[in-house]
Amino acid sequence: MVKKGKSNDGERKLFAFLGVFLTVIGFIIALATKKDDDYVMFYAKQGLVLFIASVILWVIGMIFVFLPFIGWFLMSVLWIGWVLLWIIGMIYSVSEEKRYIPLIGKFADKF
């Protein structure tokens, strides 16, 4: 039986952080190494949702690239929003409590 100590908590925070920071690759790492840890998987799933959101933004960007100024402005705002959500997710992942990333965190419950 493994004792729950500071090193274990630090490891959980590290894997949760990697789950958000590396998005889909972090999800795969967490799934392969910590699939039984609810805290790690909570954030790894949110990292996966962030990855899916980035793919959707990329596809939308390919459509709006032909709209000068309006499309570019809209995509810039959306990407800045995505980066802010990504940073929020990284901060939440080391907070030692489960907190949903605003706007997209609830979608992670579907996985």
PDB file of N, CA and C in Angstrom:
ATOM      1  N   MET A   1       0.841  -1.179   0.000  1.00  0.00           N
ATOM      2  CA  MET A   1       0.000   0.000   0.000  1.00  0.00           C
ATOM      3  C   MET A   1       0.890   1.247   0.000  1.00  0.00           C
ATOM      4  N   VAL A   2       0.573   2.177  -0.879  1.00  0.00           N
ATOM      5  CA  VAL A   2       1.358   3.397  -1.006  1.00  0.00           C
ATOM      6  C   VAL A   2       0.773   4.452  -0.089  1.00  0.00           C
ATOM      7  N   LYS A   3       1.640   5.048   0.708  1.00  0.00           N
ATOM      8  CA  LYS A   3       1.193   6.125   1.583  1.00  0.00           C
ATOM      9  C   LYS A   3       1.002   7.394   0.769  1.00  0.00           C
ATOM     10  N   LYS A   4      -0.019   8.123   1.119  1.00  0.00           N
ATOM     11  CA  LYS A   4      -0.263   9.387   0.452  1.00  0.00           C
ATOM     12  C   LYS A   4       0.528  10.466   1.175  1.00  0.00           C
ATOM     13  N   GLY A   5       1.515  10.998   0.502  1.00  0.00           N
ATOM     14  CA  GLY A   5       2.364  12.007   1.105  1.00  0.00           C
ATOM     15  C   GLY A   5       2.580  13.152   0.145  1.00  0.00           C
ATOM     16  N   LYS A   6       3.467  14.028   0.509  1.00  0.00           N
ATOM     17  CA  LYS A   6       3.735  15.204  -0.318  1.00  0.00           C
ATOM     18  C   LYS A   6       4.281  14.837  -1.685  1.00  0.00           C
ATOM     19  N   SER A   7       5.133  13.814  -1.761  1.00  0.00           N
ATOM     20  CA  SER A   7       5.686  13.445  -3.063  1.00  0.00           C
ATOM     21  C   SER A   7       4.580  12.914  -3.975  1.00  0.00           C
ATOM     22  N   ASN A   8       3.621  12.176  -3.423  1.00  0.00           N
ATOM     23  CA  ASN A   8       2.514  11.666  -4.214  1.00  0.00           C
ATOM     24  C   ASN A   8       1.632  12.823  -4.678  1.00  0.00           C
ATOM     25  N   ASP A   9       1.383  13.799  -3.801  1.00  0.00           N
ATOM     26  CA  ASP A   9       0.585  14.960  -4.179  1.00  0.00           C
ATOM     27  C   ASP A   9       1.290  15.770  -5.268  1.00  0.00           C
ATOM     28  N   GLY A  10       2.606  15.903  -5.143  1.00  0.00           N
ATOM     29  CA  GLY A  10       3.374  16.614  -6.159  1.00  0.00           C
ATOM     30  C   GLY A  10       3.336  15.901  -7.495  1.00  0.00           C
ATOM     31  N   GLU A  11       3.378  14.580  -7.443  1.00  0.00           N
ATOM     32  CA  GLU A  11       3.297  13.789  -8.668  1.00  0.00           C
ATOM     33  C   GLU A  11       1.924  13.940  -9.314  1.00  0.00           C
ATOM     34  N   ARG A  12       0.878  13.929  -8.500  1.00  0.00           N
ATOM     35  CA  ARG A  12      -0.481  14.105  -9.022  1.00  0.00           C
ATOM     36  C   ARG A  12      -0.624  15.470  -9.685  1.00  0.00           C
ATOM     37  N   LYS A  13      -0.099  16.512  -9.038  1.00  0.00           N
ATOM     38  CA  LYS A  13      -0.175  17.853  -9.608  1.00  0.00           C
ATOM     39  C   LYS A  13       0.630  17.938 -10.909  1.00  0.00           C
ATOM     40  N   LEU A  14       1.783  17.280 -10.934  1.00  0.00           N
ATOM     41  CA  LEU A  14       2.600  17.297 -12.138  1.00  0.00           C
ATOM     42  C   LEU A  14       1.864  16.652 -13.312  1.00  0.00           C
ATOM     43  N   PHE A  15       1.287  15.477 -13.082  1.00  0.00           N
ATOM     44  CA  PHE A  15       0.580  14.794 -14.159  1.00  0.00           C
ATOM     45  C   PHE A  15      -0.692  15.545 -14.563  1.00  0.00           C
ATOM     46  N   ALA A  16      -1.365  16.175 -13.602  1.00  0.00           N
ATOM     47  CA  ALA A  16      -2.535  16.992 -13.928  1.00  0.00           C
ATOM     48  C   ALA A  16      -2.113  18.200 -14.772  1.00  0.00           C
ATOM     49  N   PHE A  17      -1.006  18.821 -14.390  1.00  0.00           N
ATOM     50  CA  PHE A  17      -0.477  19.954 -15.145  1.00  0.00           C
ATOM     51  C   PHE A  17      -0.115  19.528 -16.566  1.00  0.00           C
ATOM     52  N   LEU A  18       0.583  18.405 -16.686  1.00  0.00           N
ATOM     53  CA  LEU A  18       0.956  17.914 -18.016  1.00  0.00           C
ATOM     54  C   LEU A  18      -0.265  17.576 -18.852  1.00  0.00           C
ATOM     55  N   GLY A  19      -1.321  17.090 -18.200  1.00  0.00           N
ATOM     56  CA  GLY A  19      -2.558  16.779 -18.914  1.00  0.00           C
ATOM     57  C   GLY A  19      -3.157  17.999 -19.578  1.00  0.00           C
ATOM     58  N   VAL A  20      -3.041  19.147 -18.940  1.00  0.00           N
ATOM     59  CA  VAL A  20      -3.564  20.388 -19.519  1.00  0.00           C
ATOM     60  C   VAL A  20      -2.528  21.011 -20.449  1.00  0.00           C
ATOM     61  N   PHE A  21      -1.279  21.070 -20.009  1.00  0.00           N
ATOM     62  CA  PHE A  21      -0.230  21.751 -20.771  1.00  0.00           C
ATOM     63  C   PHE A  21       0.009  21.096 -22.135  1.00  0.00           C
ATOM     64  N   LEU A  22       0.046  19.761 -22.161  1.00  0.00           N
ATOM     65  CA  LEU A  22       0.330  19.043 -23.403  1.00  0.00           C
ATOM     66  C   LEU A  22      -0.925  18.617 -24.148  1.00  0.00           C
ATOM     67  N   THR A  23      -2.074  18.995 -23.692  1.00  0.00           N
ATOM     68  CA  THR A  23      -3.396  18.696 -24.252  1.00  0.00           C
ATOM     69  C   THR A  23      -3.523  17.221 -24.615  1.00  0.00           C
ATOM     70  N   VAL A  24      -3.575  16.878 -25.884  1.00  0.00           N
ATOM     71  CA  VAL A  24      -3.859  15.497 -26.273  1.00  0.00           C
ATOM     72  C   VAL A  24      -2.715  14.556 -25.889  1.00  0.00           C
ATOM     73  N   ILE A  25      -1.483  14.994 -26.001  1.00  0.00           N
ATOM     74  CA  ILE A  25      -0.356  14.149 -25.598  1.00  0.00           C
ATOM     75  C   ILE A  25      -0.365  13.960 -24.082  1.00  0.00           C
ATOM     76  N   GLY A  26      -0.688  15.021 -23.340  1.00  0.00           N
ATOM     77  CA  GLY A  26      -0.814  14.917 -21.893  1.00  0.00           C
ATOM     78  C   GLY A  26      -1.926  13.971 -21.487  1.00  0.00           C
ATOM     79  N   PHE A  27      -3.021  13.990 -22.243  1.00  0.00           N
ATOM     80  CA  PHE A  27      -4.125  13.060 -21.974  1.00  0.00           C
ATOM     81  C   PHE A  27      -3.665  11.621 -22.150  1.00  0.00           C
ATOM     82  N   ILE A  28      -2.924  11.363 -23.215  1.00  0.00           N
ATOM     83  CA  ILE A  28      -2.434  10.007 -23.477  1.00  0.00           C
ATOM     84  C   ILE A  28      -1.465   9.568 -22.380  1.00  0.00           C
ATOM     85  N   ILE A  29      -0.577  10.467 -21.968  1.00  0.00           N
ATOM     86  CA  ILE A  29       0.370  10.154 -20.886  1.00  0.00           C
ATOM     87  C   ILE A  29      -0.384   9.847 -19.598  1.00  0.00           C
ATOM     88  N   ALA A  30      -1.366  10.686 -19.263  1.00  0.00           N
ATOM     89  CA  ALA A  30      -2.144  10.475 -18.042  1.00  0.00           C
ATOM     90  C   ALA A  30      -2.944   9.181 -18.120  1.00  0.00           C
ATOM     91  N   LEU A  31      -3.511   8.898 -19.268  1.00  0.00           N
ATOM     92  CA  LEU A  31      -4.286   7.674 -19.438  1.00  0.00           C
ATOM     93  C   LEU A  31      -3.397   6.439 -19.292  1.00  0.00           C
ATOM     94  N   ALA A  32      -2.183   6.527 -19.799  1.00  0.00           N
ATOM     95  CA  ALA A  32      -1.263   5.385 -19.733  1.00  0.00           C
ATOM     96  C   ALA A  32      -0.686   5.184 -18.343  1.00  0.00           C
ATOM     97  N   THR A  33      -0.516   6.272 -17.580  1.00  0.00           N
ATOM     98  CA  THR A  33       0.187   6.144 -16.299  1.00  0.00           C
ATOM     99  C   THR A  33      -0.690   6.321 -15.068  1.00  0.00           C
ATOM    100  N   LYS A  34      -1.720   7.150 -15.161  1.00  0.00           N
ATOM    101  CA  LYS A  34      -2.508   7.506 -13.973  1.00  0.00           C
ATOM    102  C   LYS A  34      -4.009   7.374 -14.202  1.00  0.00           C
ATOM    103  N   LYS A  35      -4.443   6.391 -14.968  1.00  0.00           N
ATOM    104  CA  LYS A  35      -5.861   6.303 -15.301  1.00  0.00           C
ATOM    105  C   LYS A  35      -6.765   6.053 -14.093  1.00  0.00           C
ATOM    106  N   ASP A  36      -6.207   5.581 -12.986  1.00  0.00           N
ATOM    107  CA  ASP A  36      -7.004   5.340 -11.785  1.00  0.00           C
ATOM    108  C   ASP A  36      -7.058   6.545 -10.851  1.00  0.00           C
ATOM    109  N   ASP A  37      -6.322   7.597 -11.165  1.00  0.00           N
ATOM    110  CA  ASP A  37      -6.292   8.795 -10.333  1.00  0.00           C
ATOM    111  C   ASP A  37      -7.326   9.795 -10.845  1.00  0.00           C
ATOM    112  N   ASP A  38      -8.396   9.999 -10.077  1.00  0.00           N
ATOM    113  CA  ASP A  38      -9.483  10.880 -10.504  1.00  0.00           C
ATOM    114  C   ASP A  38      -9.025  12.316 -10.734  1.00  0.00           C
ATOM    115  N   TYR A  39      -8.139  12.802  -9.887  1.00  0.00           N
ATOM    116  CA  TYR A  39      -7.663  14.183 -10.001  1.00  0.00           C
ATOM    117  C   TYR A  39      -6.894  14.387 -11.308  1.00  0.00           C
ATOM    118  N   VAL A  40      -5.982  13.478 -11.599  1.00  0.00           N
ATOM    119  CA  VAL A  40      -5.187  13.582 -12.823  1.00  0.00           C
ATOM    120  C   VAL A  40      -6.083  13.467 -14.047  1.00  0.00           C
ATOM    121  N   MET A  41      -6.974  12.501 -14.056  1.00  0.00           N
ATOM    122  CA  MET A  41      -7.836  12.296 -15.220  1.00  0.00           C
ATOM    123  C   MET A  41      -8.828  13.441 -15.402  1.00  0.00           C
ATOM    124  N   PHE A  42      -9.257  14.075 -14.308  1.00  0.00           N
ATOM    125  CA  PHE A  42     -10.140  15.234 -14.397  1.00  0.00           C
ATOM    126  C   PHE A  42      -9.498  16.311 -15.260  1.00  0.00           C
ATOM    127  N   TYR A  43      -8.231  16.608 -14.988  1.00  0.00           N
ATOM    128  CA  TYR A  43      -7.538  17.649 -15.747  1.00  0.00           C
ATOM    129  C   TYR A  43      -7.058  17.159 -17.106  1.00  0.00           C
ATOM    130  N   ALA A  44      -6.722  15.887 -17.220  1.00  0.00           N
ATOM    131  CA  ALA A  44      -6.311  15.352 -18.516  1.00  0.00           C
ATOM    132  C   ALA A  44      -7.475  15.414 -19.505  1.00  0.00           C
ATOM    133  N   LYS A  45      -8.679  15.124 -19.038  1.00  0.00           N
ATOM    134  CA  LYS A  45      -9.858  15.216 -19.904  1.00  0.00           C
ATOM    135  C   LYS A  45     -10.115  16.658 -20.320  1.00  0.00           C
ATOM    136  N   GLN A  46      -9.884  17.589 -19.429  1.00  0.00           N
ATOM    137  CA  GLN A  46     -10.054  18.992 -19.792  1.00  0.00           C
ATOM    138  C   GLN A  46      -8.988  19.413 -20.810  1.00  0.00           C
ATOM    139  N   GLY A  47      -7.791  18.856 -20.696  1.00  0.00           N
ATOM    140  CA  GLY A  47      -6.758  19.103 -21.695  1.00  0.00           C
ATOM    141  C   GLY A  47      -7.161  18.566 -23.053  1.00  0.00           C
ATOM    142  N   LEU A  48      -7.825  17.406 -23.064  1.00  0.00           N
ATOM    143  CA  LEU A  48      -8.325  16.841 -24.314  1.00  0.00           C
ATOM    144  C   LEU A  48      -9.381  17.745 -24.926  1.00  0.00           C
ATOM    145  N   VAL A  49     -10.260  18.302 -24.107  1.00  0.00           N
ATOM    146  CA  VAL A  49     -11.275  19.229 -24.597  1.00  0.00           C
ATOM    147  C   VAL A  49     -10.620  20.493 -25.159  1.00  0.00           C
ATOM    148  N   LEU A  50      -9.567  20.965 -24.519  1.00  0.00           N
ATOM    149  CA  LEU A  50      -8.825  22.113 -25.046  1.00  0.00           C
ATOM    150  C   LEU A  50      -8.242  21.798 -26.426  1.00  0.00           C
ATOM    151  N   PHE A  51      -7.732  20.585 -26.589  1.00  0.00           N
ATOM    152  CA  PHE A  51      -7.196  20.186 -27.889  1.00  0.00           C
ATOM    153  C   PHE A  51      -8.294  20.167 -28.948  1.00  0.00           C
ATOM    154  N   ILE A  52      -9.435  19.592 -28.608  1.00  0.00           N
ATOM    155  CA  ILE A  52     -10.558  19.542 -29.548  1.00  0.00           C
ATOM    156  C   ILE A  52     -10.998  20.958 -29.915  1.00  0.00           C
ATOM    157  N   ALA A  53     -11.027  21.851 -28.925  1.00  0.00           N
ATOM    158  CA  ALA A  53     -11.387  23.251 -29.189  1.00  0.00           C
ATOM    159  C   ALA A  53     -10.376  23.904 -30.124  1.00  0.00           C
ATOM    160  N   SER A  54      -9.094  23.580 -29.973  1.00  0.00           N
ATOM    161  CA  SER A  54      -8.087  24.169 -30.859  1.00  0.00           C
ATOM    162  C   SER A  54      -8.237  23.664 -32.282  1.00  0.00           C
ATOM    163  N   VAL A  55      -8.617  22.410 -32.454  1.00  0.00           N
ATOM    164  CA  VAL A  55      -8.855  21.876 -33.797  1.00  0.00           C
ATOM    165  C   VAL A  55     -10.056  22.575 -34.429  1.00  0.00           C
ATOM    166  N   ILE A  56     -11.106  22.774 -33.642  1.00  0.00           N
ATOM    167  CA  ILE A  56     -12.292  23.480 -34.147  1.00  0.00           C
ATOM    168  C   ILE A  56     -11.927  24.910 -34.535  1.00  0.00           C
ATOM    169  N   LEU A  57     -11.133  25.583 -33.700  1.00  0.00           N
ATOM    170  CA  LEU A  57     -10.694  26.943 -34.033  1.00  0.00           C
ATOM    171  C   LEU A  57      -9.846  26.958 -35.301  1.00  0.00           C
ATOM    172  N   TRP A  58      -9.015  25.969 -35.474  1.00  0.00           N
ATOM    173  CA  TRP A  58      -8.190  25.890 -36.668  1.00  0.00           C
ATOM    174  C   TRP A  58      -9.063  25.746 -37.916  1.00  0.00           C
ATOM    175  N   VAL A  59     -10.078  24.884 -37.846  1.00  0.00           N
ATOM    176  CA  VAL A  59     -10.989  24.694 -38.988  1.00  0.00           C
ATOM    177  C   VAL A  59     -11.749  25.989 -39.274  1.00  0.00           C
ATOM    178  N   ILE A  60     -12.250  26.629 -38.239  1.00  0.00           N
ATOM    179  CA  ILE A  60     -12.949  27.906 -38.422  1.00  0.00           C
ATOM    180  C   ILE A  60     -11.993  28.942 -39.019  1.00  0.00           C
ATOM    181  N   GLY A  61     -10.767  28.925 -38.573  1.00  0.00           N
ATOM    182  CA  GLY A  61      -9.774  29.848 -39.108  1.00  0.00           C
ATOM    183  C   GLY A  61      -9.524  29.646 -40.588  1.00  0.00           C
ATOM    184  N   MET A  62      -9.559  28.395 -41.042  1.00  0.00           N
ATOM    185  CA  MET A  62      -9.383  28.121 -42.466  1.00  0.00           C
ATOM    186  C   MET A  62     -10.549  28.678 -43.283  1.00  0.00           C
ATOM    187  N   ILE A  63     -11.721  28.747 -42.689  1.00  0.00           N
ATOM    188  CA  ILE A  63     -12.891  29.306 -43.376  1.00  0.00           C
ATOM    189  C   ILE A  63     -12.822  30.828 -43.393  1.00  0.00           C
ATOM    190  N   PHE A  64     -12.467  31.427 -42.254  1.00  0.00           N
ATOM    191  CA  PHE A  64     -12.473  32.888 -42.131  1.00  0.00           C
ATOM    192  C   PHE A  64     -11.202  33.555 -42.652  1.00  0.00           C
ATOM    193  N   VAL A  65     -10.226  32.788 -43.090  1.00  0.00           N
ATOM    194  CA  VAL A  65      -8.985  33.380 -43.573  1.00  0.00           C
ATOM    195  C   VAL A  65      -9.231  34.234 -44.821  1.00  0.00           C
ATOM    196  N   PHE A  66     -10.318  33.963 -45.514  1.00  0.00           N
ATOM    197  CA  PHE A  66     -10.626  34.694 -46.736  1.00  0.00           C
ATOM    198  C   PHE A  66     -11.412  35.971 -46.488  1.00  0.00           C
ATOM    199  N   LEU A  67     -11.736  36.260 -45.239  1.00  0.00           N
ATOM    200  CA  LEU A  67     -12.429  37.501 -44.896  1.00  0.00           C
ATOM    201  C   LEU A  67     -11.435  38.465 -44.263  1.00  0.00           C
ATOM    202  N   PRO A  68     -10.899  39.357 -45.058  1.00  0.00           N
ATOM    203  CA  PRO A  68      -9.891  40.270 -44.501  1.00  0.00           C
ATOM    204  C   PRO A  68     -10.455  41.086 -43.343  1.00  0.00           C
ATOM    205  N   PHE A  69      -9.621  41.359 -42.410  1.00  0.00           N
ATOM    206  CA  PHE A  69      -9.872  42.185 -41.236  1.00  0.00           C
ATOM    207  C   PHE A  69     -10.917  41.601 -40.298  1.00  0.00           C
ATOM    208  N   ILE A  70     -12.150  41.412 -40.719  1.00  0.00           N
ATOM    209  CA  ILE A  70     -13.190  40.885 -39.821  1.00  0.00           C
ATOM    210  C   ILE A  70     -12.837  39.456 -39.403  1.00  0.00           C
ATOM    211  N   GLY A  71     -12.530  38.624 -40.371  1.00  0.00           N
ATOM    212  CA  GLY A  71     -12.174  37.243 -40.072  1.00  0.00           C
ATOM    213  C   GLY A  71     -10.902  37.145 -39.264  1.00  0.00           C
ATOM    214  N   TRP A  72      -9.919  37.943 -39.625  1.00  0.00           N
ATOM    215  CA  TRP A  72      -8.651  37.924 -38.896  1.00  0.00           C
ATOM    216  C   TRP A  72      -8.842  38.413 -37.467  1.00  0.00           C
ATOM    217  N   PHE A  73      -9.612  39.456 -37.293  1.00  0.00           N
ATOM    218  CA  PHE A  73      -9.874  39.983 -35.959  1.00  0.00           C
ATOM    219  C   PHE A  73     -10.611  38.950 -35.114  1.00  0.00           C
ATOM    220  N   LEU A  74     -11.654  38.360 -35.696  1.00  0.00           N
ATOM    221  CA  LEU A  74     -12.437  37.355 -34.971  1.00  0.00           C
ATOM    222  C   LEU A  74     -11.567  36.182 -34.556  1.00  0.00           C
ATOM    223  N   MET A  75     -10.733  35.701 -35.464  1.00  0.00           N
ATOM    224  CA  MET A  75      -9.879  34.562 -35.134  1.00  0.00           C
ATOM    225  C   MET A  75      -8.826  34.942 -34.093  1.00  0.00           C
ATOM    226  N   SER A  76      -8.313  36.149 -34.158  1.00  0.00           N
ATOM    227  CA  SER A  76      -7.347  36.596 -33.154  1.00  0.00           C
ATOM    228  C   SER A  76      -7.976  36.608 -31.772  1.00  0.00           C
ATOM    229  N   VAL A  77      -9.187  37.114 -31.675  1.00  0.00           N
ATOM    230  CA  VAL A  77      -9.891  37.158 -30.390  1.00  0.00           C
ATOM    231  C   VAL A  77     -10.156  35.740 -29.878  1.00  0.00           C
ATOM    232  N   LEU A  78     -10.588  34.855 -30.766  1.00  0.00           N
ATOM    233  CA  LEU A  78     -10.873  33.477 -30.353  1.00  0.00           C
ATOM    234  C   LEU A  78      -9.604  32.757 -29.891  1.00  0.00           C
ATOM    235  N   TRP A  79      -8.491  32.954 -30.590  1.00  0.00           N
ATOM    236  CA  TRP A  79      -7.244  32.305 -30.181  1.00  0.00           C
ATOM    237  C   TRP A  79      -6.723  32.870 -28.869  1.00  0.00           C
ATOM    238  N   ILE A  80      -6.854  34.164 -28.671  1.00  0.00           N
ATOM    239  CA  ILE A  80      -6.455  34.755 -27.389  1.00  0.00           C
ATOM    240  C   ILE A  80      -7.304  34.176 -26.264  1.00  0.00           C
ATOM    241  N   GLY A  81      -8.597  34.017 -26.515  1.00  0.00           N
ATOM    242  CA  GLY A  81      -9.479  33.390 -25.531  1.00  0.00           C
ATOM    243  C   GLY A  81      -9.069  31.965 -25.226  1.00  0.00           C
ATOM    244  N   TRP A  82      -8.679  31.218 -26.269  1.00  0.00           N
ATOM    245  CA  TRP A  82      -8.238  29.841 -26.072  1.00  0.00           C
ATOM    246  C   TRP A  82      -6.986  29.805 -25.211  1.00  0.00           C
ATOM    247  N   VAL A  83      -6.027  30.677 -25.491  1.00  0.00           N
ATOM    248  CA  VAL A  83      -4.788  30.716 -24.713  1.00  0.00           C
ATOM    249  C   VAL A  83      -5.090  31.060 -23.253  1.00  0.00           C
ATOM    250  N   LEU A  84      -6.016  31.983 -23.024  1.00  0.00           N
ATOM    251  CA  LEU A  84      -6.396  32.324 -21.644  1.00  0.00           C
ATOM    252  C   LEU A  84      -7.009  31.123 -20.932  1.00  0.00           C
ATOM    253  N   LEU A  85      -7.866  30.375 -21.617  1.00  0.00           N
ATOM    254  CA  LEU A  85      -8.451  29.171 -21.015  1.00  0.00           C
ATOM    255  C   LEU A  85      -7.377  28.133 -20.726  1.00  0.00           C
ATOM    256  N   TRP A  86      -6.409  28.018 -21.602  1.00  0.00           N
ATOM    257  CA  TRP A  86      -5.307  27.081 -21.418  1.00  0.00           C
ATOM    258  C   TRP A  86      -4.494  27.458 -20.180  1.00  0.00           C
ATOM    259  N   ILE A  87      -4.207  28.743 -20.020  1.00  0.00           N
ATOM    260  CA  ILE A  87      -3.455  29.213 -18.850  1.00  0.00           C
ATOM    261  C   ILE A  87      -4.257  28.994 -17.570  1.00  0.00           C
ATOM    262  N   ILE A  88      -5.549  29.291 -17.617  1.00  0.00           N
ATOM    263  CA  ILE A  88      -6.421  29.052 -16.460  1.00  0.00           C
ATOM    264  C   ILE A  88      -6.411  27.578 -16.096  1.00  0.00           C
ATOM    265  N   GLY A  89      -6.482  26.706 -17.088  1.00  0.00           N
ATOM    266  CA  GLY A  89      -6.442  25.270 -16.844  1.00  0.00           C
ATOM    267  C   GLY A  89      -5.154  24.825 -16.184  1.00  0.00           C
ATOM    268  N   MET A  90      -4.035  25.403 -16.617  1.00  0.00           N
ATOM    269  CA  MET A  90      -2.752  25.052 -16.000  1.00  0.00           C
ATOM    270  C   MET A  90      -2.706  25.511 -14.546  1.00  0.00           C
ATOM    271  N   ILE A  91      -3.220  26.697 -14.276  1.00  0.00           N
ATOM    272  CA  ILE A  91      -3.247  27.205 -12.896  1.00  0.00           C
ATOM    273  C   ILE A  91      -4.156  26.339 -12.030  1.00  0.00           C
ATOM    274  N   TYR A  92      -5.336  26.007 -12.550  1.00  0.00           N
ATOM    275  CA  TYR A  92      -6.261  25.161 -11.793  1.00  0.00           C
ATOM    276  C   TYR A  92      -5.665  23.786 -11.511  1.00  0.00           C
ATOM    277  N   SER A  93      -4.899  23.244 -12.446  1.00  0.00           N
ATOM    278  CA  SER A  93      -4.388  21.881 -12.300  1.00  0.00           C
ATOM    279  C   SER A  93      -3.414  21.732 -11.141  1.00  0.00           C
ATOM    280  N   VAL A  94      -2.780  22.800 -10.720  1.00  0.00           N
ATOM    281  CA  VAL A  94      -1.850  22.720  -9.585  1.00  0.00           C
ATOM    282  C   VAL A  94      -2.472  23.255  -8.294  1.00  0.00           C
ATOM    283  N   SER A  95      -3.769  23.494  -8.305  1.00  0.00           N
ATOM    284  CA  SER A  95      -4.444  24.091  -7.156  1.00  0.00           C
ATOM    285  C   SER A  95      -4.869  23.082  -6.090  1.00  0.00           C
ATOM    286  N   GLU A  96      -4.720  21.799  -6.375  1.00  0.00           N
ATOM    287  CA  GLU A  96      -5.106  20.717  -5.465  1.00  0.00           C
ATOM    288  C   GLU A  96      -6.617  20.589  -5.278  1.00  0.00           C
ATOM    289  N   GLU A  97      -7.392  21.210  -6.130  1.00  0.00           N
ATOM    290  CA  GLU A  97      -8.839  21.007  -6.090  1.00  0.00           C
ATOM    291  C   GLU A  97      -9.355  20.940  -7.518  1.00  0.00           C
ATOM    292  N   LYS A  98     -10.444  20.221  -7.686  1.00  0.00           N
ATOM    293  CA  LYS A  98     -11.025  20.066  -9.012  1.00  0.00           C
ATOM    294  C   LYS A  98     -11.867  21.296  -9.341  1.00  0.00           C
ATOM    295  N   ARG A  99     -11.456  22.001 -10.362  1.00  0.00           N
ATOM    296  CA  ARG A  99     -12.191  23.186 -10.812  1.00  0.00           C
ATOM    297  C   ARG A  99     -12.288  23.112 -12.329  1.00  0.00           C
ATOM    298  N   TYR A 100     -13.491  23.343 -12.827  1.00  0.00           N
ATOM    299  CA  TYR A 100     -13.689  23.310 -14.268  1.00  0.00           C
ATOM    300  C   TYR A 100     -13.103  24.550 -14.934  1.00  0.00           C
ATOM    301  N   ILE A 101     -12.485  24.346 -16.091  1.00  0.00           N
ATOM    302  CA  ILE A 101     -12.038  25.465 -16.908  1.00  0.00           C
ATOM    303  C   ILE A 101     -13.301  26.156 -17.420  1.00  0.00           C
ATOM    304  N   PRO A 102     -13.386  27.488 -17.318  1.00  0.00           N
ATOM    305  CA  PRO A 102     -14.602  28.183 -17.759  1.00  0.00           C
ATOM    306  C   PRO A 102     -14.945  27.868 -19.219  1.00  0.00           C
ATOM    307  N   LEU A 103     -16.221  27.810 -19.496  1.00  0.00           N
ATOM    308  CA  LEU A 103     -16.798  27.610 -20.816  1.00  0.00           C
ATOM    309  C   LEU A 103     -16.673  26.185 -21.368  1.00  0.00           C
ATOM    310  N   ILE A 104     -15.557  25.538 -21.175  1.00  0.00           N
ATOM    311  CA  ILE A 104     -15.358  24.244 -21.825  1.00  0.00           C
ATOM    312  C   ILE A 104     -15.176  23.076 -20.848  1.00  0.00           C
ATOM    313  N   GLY A 105     -14.968  23.361 -19.592  1.00  0.00           N
ATOM    314  CA  GLY A 105     -14.656  22.307 -18.624  1.00  0.00           C
ATOM    315  C   GLY A 105     -15.734  21.254 -18.471  1.00  0.00           C
ATOM    316  N   LYS A 106     -16.985  21.643 -18.561  1.00  0.00           N
ATOM    317  CA  LYS A 106     -18.093  20.692 -18.391  1.00  0.00           C
ATOM    318  C   LYS A 106     -18.125  19.643 -19.503  1.00  0.00           C
ATOM    319  N   PHE A 107     -17.587  19.979 -20.673  1.00  0.00           N
ATOM    320  CA  PHE A 107     -17.571  19.016 -21.780  1.00  0.00           C
ATOM    321  C   PHE A 107     -16.671  17.826 -21.475  1.00  0.00           C
ATOM    322  N   ALA A 108     -15.727  17.998 -20.578  1.00  0.00           N
ATOM    323  CA  ALA A 108     -14.817  16.921 -20.219  1.00  0.00           C
ATOM    324  C   ALA A 108     -15.535  15.777 -19.525  1.00  0.00           C
ATOM    325  N   ASP A 109     -16.669  16.050 -18.913  1.00  0.00           N
ATOM    326  CA  ASP A 109     -17.430  14.990 -18.239  1.00  0.00           C
ATOM    327  C   ASP A 109     -17.994  13.971 -19.225  1.00  0.00           C
ATOM    328  N   LYS A 110     -18.043  14.315 -20.500  1.00  0.00           N
ATOM    329  CA  LYS A 110     -18.586  13.424 -21.523  1.00  0.00           C
ATOM    330  C   LYS A 110     -17.624  12.272 -21.849  1.00  0.00           C
ATOM    331  N   PHE A 111     -16.351  12.415 -21.463  1.00  0.00           N
ATOM    332  CA  PHE A 111     -15.345  11.392 -21.788  1.00  0.00           C
ATOM    333  C   PHE A 111     -15.160  10.448 -20.636  1.00  0.00           C
TER     334      PHE A 111
END
